Amino acid sequence: MPSVGRGVREIRIQTGLEHRVFYVASFADGVYVLHAFEKRTSRTPKRDLDLARARYRGLRASRRG
């Protein structure tokens, strides 16, 4: 999911509803889940993308120092 950040991936889960999980697995110490949500439209809502971006920025900042 390059629109969220470098190395961010997306899992799509279909159970009659659409679920998405944004995560980062490019760090050696673990997999970081940035955001998980249920989609109700074909387009990912801006607030969900913004939240994942903010969490990604925060994760990178905390790893720097």
Protein backbone atom coordinates (compact mmCIF):
# COMPACT_ATOMS: atom_id res chain seq x y z
CA MET A 1 0.00 0.00 0.00
CA PRO A 2 2.45 2.65 -1.23
CA SER A 3 -0.09 5.43 -0.68
CA VAL A 4 0.29 4.85 3.09
CA GLY A 5 4.05 4.39 3.21
CA ARG A 6 7.05 2.49 1.91
CA GLY A 7 6.84 -1.19 2.85
CA VAL A 8 3.21 -1.05 3.95
CA ARG A 9 1.14 -4.01 2.79
CA GLU A 10 -2.58 -4.74 2.80
CA ILE A 11 -4.48 -7.90 3.65
CA ARG A 12 -7.97 -8.22 2.19
CA ILE A 13 -10.43 -10.44 4.02
CA GLN A 14 -13.80 -11.29 2.51
CA THR A 15 -16.44 -12.77 4.80
CA GLY A 16 -19.53 -11.42 3.12
CA LEU A 17 -18.18 -8.04 4.22
CA GLU A 18 -14.89 -6.47 3.21
CA HIS A 19 -12.16 -6.12 5.83
CA ARG A 20 -8.73 -4.57 5.39
CA VAL A 21 -5.57 -4.70 7.47
CA PHE A 22 -2.62 -2.38 6.77
CA TYR A 23 0.66 -3.65 8.18
CA VAL A 24 4.43 -3.25 7.98
CA ALA A 25 6.62 -6.36 7.96
CA SER A 26 9.87 -4.81 6.77
CA PHE A 27 11.32 -4.41 10.28
CA ALA A 28 13.36 -7.32 11.65
CA ASP A 29 11.82 -7.18 15.12
CA GLY A 30 8.21 -7.78 14.16
CA VAL A 31 5.10 -7.12 12.14
CA TYR A 32 3.34 -3.86 12.98
CA VAL A 33 -0.40 -3.58 12.33
CA LEU A 34 -1.15 0.04 11.47
CA HIS A 35 -4.91 -0.15 11.02
CA ALA A 36 -7.70 -2.70 10.56
CA PHE A 37 -11.20 -1.77 9.46
CA GLU A 38 -14.36 -2.87 7.66
CA LYS A 39 -14.94 -1.39 4.22
CA ARG A 40 -18.45 -0.46 3.24
CA THR A 41 -17.71 1.09 -0.15
CA SER A 42 -15.41 0.22 -3.04
CA ARG A 43 -13.11 3.14 -2.20
CA THR A 44 -10.97 3.21 0.95
CA PRO A 45 -12.14 6.15 3.08
CA LYS A 46 -9.67 9.02 3.41
CA ARG A 47 -9.86 8.94 7.22
CA ASP A 48 -8.65 5.31 7.22
CA LEU A 49 -5.74 6.12 4.92
CA ASP A 50 -4.87 9.22 6.98
CA LEU A 51 -4.92 7.23 10.22
CA ALA A 52 -2.65 4.52 8.77
CA ARG A 53 -0.25 7.19 7.43
CA ALA A 54 -0.10 8.92 10.82
CA ARG A 55 0.58 5.64 12.62
CA TYR A 56 3.27 4.76 10.09
CA ARG A 57 4.97 8.14 10.59
CA GLY A 58 4.77 7.65 14.35
CA LEU A 59 6.25 4.17 14.12
CA ARG A 60 9.15 5.38 12.01
CA ALA A 61 9.78 8.32 14.35
CA SER A 62 9.80 6.08 17.44
CA ARG A 63 12.25 3.67 15.79
CA ARG A 64 14.67 6.51 14.96
CA GLY A 65 15.25 7.54 18.48
